[in-house]
Amino acid sequence: MIGKSNKYRRTGGINHAKNELRDAISGAIRRGCNVKLLGDSLTAGSGSSDSDLSGRVIYPPFRRQQGRRCWASLLRDHLTGKYSCSVDSVGCYGITSGEMMEHLDTLYHPATDRVVFCMIGANNKNSLTAWSSWRKIWTTCARKSPQAAICSFS
């Protein structure tokens, strides 16, 4: 679990932790790894010019993006073409952090996901428990797979 230890306060603080996370992510990608994109509609690519949410089922009623112009599809094409990574984008439009936490075992696979980008929170405004759920998502992923590089945005 990168960035959670007290050693960063003694050895350069947050900048040291950010550099270590960046190095872990870039190293894993250069070696070729499984990359997981977790999130809501922003991750799903809803609203892109060729949005097509009719791919494989994530969990009902959510399906993977088939469109090629959303940022997640462009990132997938780049990482698979240049670095031999596999990328699985499990963006579920409209979900809150709490709903993601409820389905985390379906969305996240700690045995194989080595780089995880978690982008959740856009739908949390009316949820009283969503922000604590967001933290639970991060800590659960980190605890289940301490060797994974996990980067979270909200």
Protein backbone atom coordinates (compact mmCIF):
# COMPACT_ATOMS: atom_id res chain seq x y z
CA MET A 1 0.00 0.00 0.00
CA ILE A 2 1.83 3.02 -1.28
CA GLY A 3 1.57 6.39 0.47
CA LYS A 4 0.09 5.22 3.78
CA SER A 5 3.19 4.83 5.94
CA ASN A 6 4.69 7.28 8.45
CA LYS A 7 8.06 6.89 6.74
CA TYR A 8 6.95 9.44 4.13
CA ARG A 9 6.67 12.15 6.75
CA ARG A 10 10.32 11.59 7.65
CA THR A 11 11.71 11.14 4.13
CA GLY A 12 10.17 13.94 2.10
CA GLY A 13 6.48 13.90 2.86
CA ILE A 14 3.76 13.90 0.25
CA ASN A 15 6.10 14.61 -2.66
CA HIS A 16 8.06 11.46 -1.88
CA ALA A 17 4.83 9.43 -1.73
CA LYS A 18 3.62 10.90 -5.05
CA ASN A 19 6.95 10.09 -6.70
CA GLU A 20 6.85 6.54 -5.37
CA LEU A 21 3.29 6.08 -6.62
CA ARG A 22 4.19 7.50 -10.05
CA ASP A 23 7.23 5.20 -10.25
CA ALA A 24 5.16 2.16 -9.22
CA ILE A 25 2.47 2.90 -11.81
CA SER A 26 4.88 3.64 -14.65
CA GLY A 27 7.04 0.59 -13.82
CA ALA A 28 4.05 -1.76 -13.76
CA ILE A 29 2.75 -0.35 -17.04
CA ARG A 30 6.16 -0.62 -18.74
CA ARG A 31 6.33 -4.29 -17.73
CA GLY A 32 2.78 -4.89 -19.00
CA CYS A 33 0.08 -5.40 -16.40
CA ASN A 34 -3.65 -5.42 -15.78
CA VAL A 35 -5.00 -1.89 -15.35
CA LYS A 36 -8.41 -1.36 -13.76
CA LEU A 37 -10.44 1.83 -14.21
CA LEU A 38 -13.13 2.04 -11.51
CA GLY A 39 -15.70 4.80 -11.51
CA ASP A 40 -18.99 6.35 -12.46
CA SER A 41 -20.24 7.80 -15.76
CA LEU A 42 -17.08 9.87 -16.20
CA THR A 43 -15.12 6.62 -16.32
CA ALA A 44 -17.80 4.90 -18.40
CA GLY A 45 -17.43 7.52 -21.13
CA SER A 46 -21.07 8.54 -21.09
CA GLY A 47 -21.57 11.54 -23.32
CA SER A 48 -18.60 10.94 -25.60
CA SER A 49 -19.32 11.52 -29.26
CA ASP A 50 -19.58 7.80 -29.99
CA SER A 51 -20.78 6.55 -26.60
CA ASP A 52 -22.01 2.97 -26.83
CA LEU A 53 -22.60 1.38 -23.44
CA SER A 54 -23.57 -2.02 -24.87
CA GLY A 55 -20.44 -4.07 -24.16
CA ARG A 56 -20.00 -6.97 -21.75
CA VAL A 57 -22.04 -6.77 -18.56
CA ILE A 58 -20.24 -5.26 -15.56
CA TYR A 59 -23.17 -6.07 -13.30
CA PRO A 60 -26.82 -5.51 -14.24
CA PRO A 61 -27.78 -3.04 -15.63
CA PHE A 62 -24.27 -1.72 -16.34
CA ARG A 63 -22.29 -2.60 -19.46
CA ARG A 64 -18.81 -1.74 -20.71
CA GLN A 65 -18.19 1.13 -23.13
CA GLN A 66 -17.86 0.07 -26.77
CA GLY A 67 -17.24 3.59 -28.11
CA ARG A 68 -13.67 4.39 -29.21
CA ARG A 69 -13.53 8.15 -28.51
CA CYS A 70 -13.99 8.41 -24.74
CA TRP A 71 -10.86 8.93 -22.65
CA ALA A 72 -10.95 5.44 -21.14
CA SER A 73 -11.05 3.80 -24.59
CA LEU A 74 -8.23 6.04 -25.83
CA LEU A 75 -6.15 5.18 -22.75
CA ARG A 76 -6.88 1.47 -23.27
CA ASP A 77 -5.79 1.63 -26.90
CA HIS A 78 -2.57 3.42 -25.94
CA LEU A 79 -1.65 1.07 -23.07
CA THR A 80 -2.48 -2.12 -24.97
CA GLY A 81 -0.69 -0.96 -28.11
CA LYS A 82 2.46 0.50 -26.61
CA TYR A 83 2.94 -1.43 -23.35
CA SER A 84 1.09 -4.73 -23.73
CA CYS A 85 -1.19 -3.92 -20.81
CA SER A 86 -4.74 -5.11 -20.50
CA VAL A 87 -7.23 -2.45 -19.44
CA ASP A 88 -10.65 -3.10 -17.94
CA SER A 89 -12.87 -0.05 -17.54
CA VAL A 90 -15.76 -0.66 -15.19
CA GLY A 91 -17.46 2.71 -15.19
CA CYS A 92 -21.04 2.57 -13.97
CA TYR A 93 -23.09 5.67 -14.77
CA GLY A 94 -24.98 7.19 -11.86
CA ILE A 95 -23.44 5.18 -9.03
CA THR A 96 -22.25 6.69 -5.77
CA SER A 97 -19.25 5.62 -3.73
CA GLY A 98 -21.56 3.61 -1.48
CA GLU A 99 -22.97 1.66 -4.41
CA MET A 100 -19.47 0.99 -5.71
CA MET A 101 -18.45 -0.31 -2.28
CA GLU A 102 -21.44 -2.70 -2.32
CA HIS A 103 -20.24 -4.19 -5.62
CA LEU A 104 -16.48 -3.91 -5.12
CA ASP A 105 -15.95 -7.69 -5.15
CA THR A 106 -17.50 -7.78 -8.65
CA LEU A 107 -15.58 -4.73 -9.93
CA TYR A 108 -12.09 -5.21 -8.49
CA HIS A 109 -9.94 -8.35 -8.73
CA PRO A 110 -6.95 -8.06 -6.37
CA ALA A 111 -5.27 -11.18 -7.72
CA THR A 112 -4.83 -9.64 -11.18
CA ASP A 113 -5.40 -5.85 -11.07
CA ARG A 114 -1.95 -4.29 -10.62
CA VAL A 115 -2.70 -0.63 -11.38
CA VAL A 116 -6.05 0.76 -10.24
CA PHE A 117 -7.42 4.20 -11.06
CA CYS A 118 -10.51 4.88 -8.96
CA MET A 119 -12.53 7.90 -10.07
CA ILE A 120 -15.71 8.13 -8.05
CA GLY A 121 -17.60 10.87 -6.27
CA ALA A 122 -19.44 12.89 -8.92
CA ASN A 123 -22.76 11.40 -7.77
CA ASN A 124 -22.14 11.70 -4.04
CA LYS A 125 -23.79 15.07 -3.45
CA ASN A 126 -27.03 13.69 -1.99
CA SER A 127 -25.50 10.78 -0.12
CA LEU A 128 -24.61 11.18 3.54
CA THR A 129 -22.45 8.04 3.64
CA ALA A 130 -20.80 8.31 0.23
CA TRP A 131 -17.58 9.97 1.36
CA SER A 132 -16.91 7.37 4.03
CA SER A 133 -17.62 4.72 1.38
CA TRP A 134 -15.08 6.36 -0.93
CA ARG A 135 -12.42 5.92 1.76
CA LYS A 136 -13.52 2.32 2.35
CA ILE A 137 -13.09 1.58 -1.37
CA TRP A 138 -9.52 2.85 -1.31
CA THR A 139 -8.55 1.05 1.90
CA THR A 140 -10.27 -2.19 0.83
CA CYS A 141 -8.41 -2.23 -2.50
CA ALA A 142 -5.12 -1.44 -0.78
CA ARG A 143 -5.63 -4.09 1.92
CA LYS A 144 -6.65 -6.82 -0.56
CA SER A 145 -3.75 -6.12 -2.90
CA PRO A 146 -0.86 -4.36 -1.14
CA GLN A 147 1.40 -4.80 -4.21
CA ALA A 148 -1.01 -2.88 -6.48
CA ALA A 149 -0.53 0.79 -7.30
CA ILE A 150 -3.83 2.48 -6.46
CA CYS A 151 -4.55 6.05 -7.46
CA SER A 152 -7.83 7.63 -6.47
CA PHE A 153 -9.55 10.78 -7.75
CA SER A 154 -12.79 12.30 -6.51
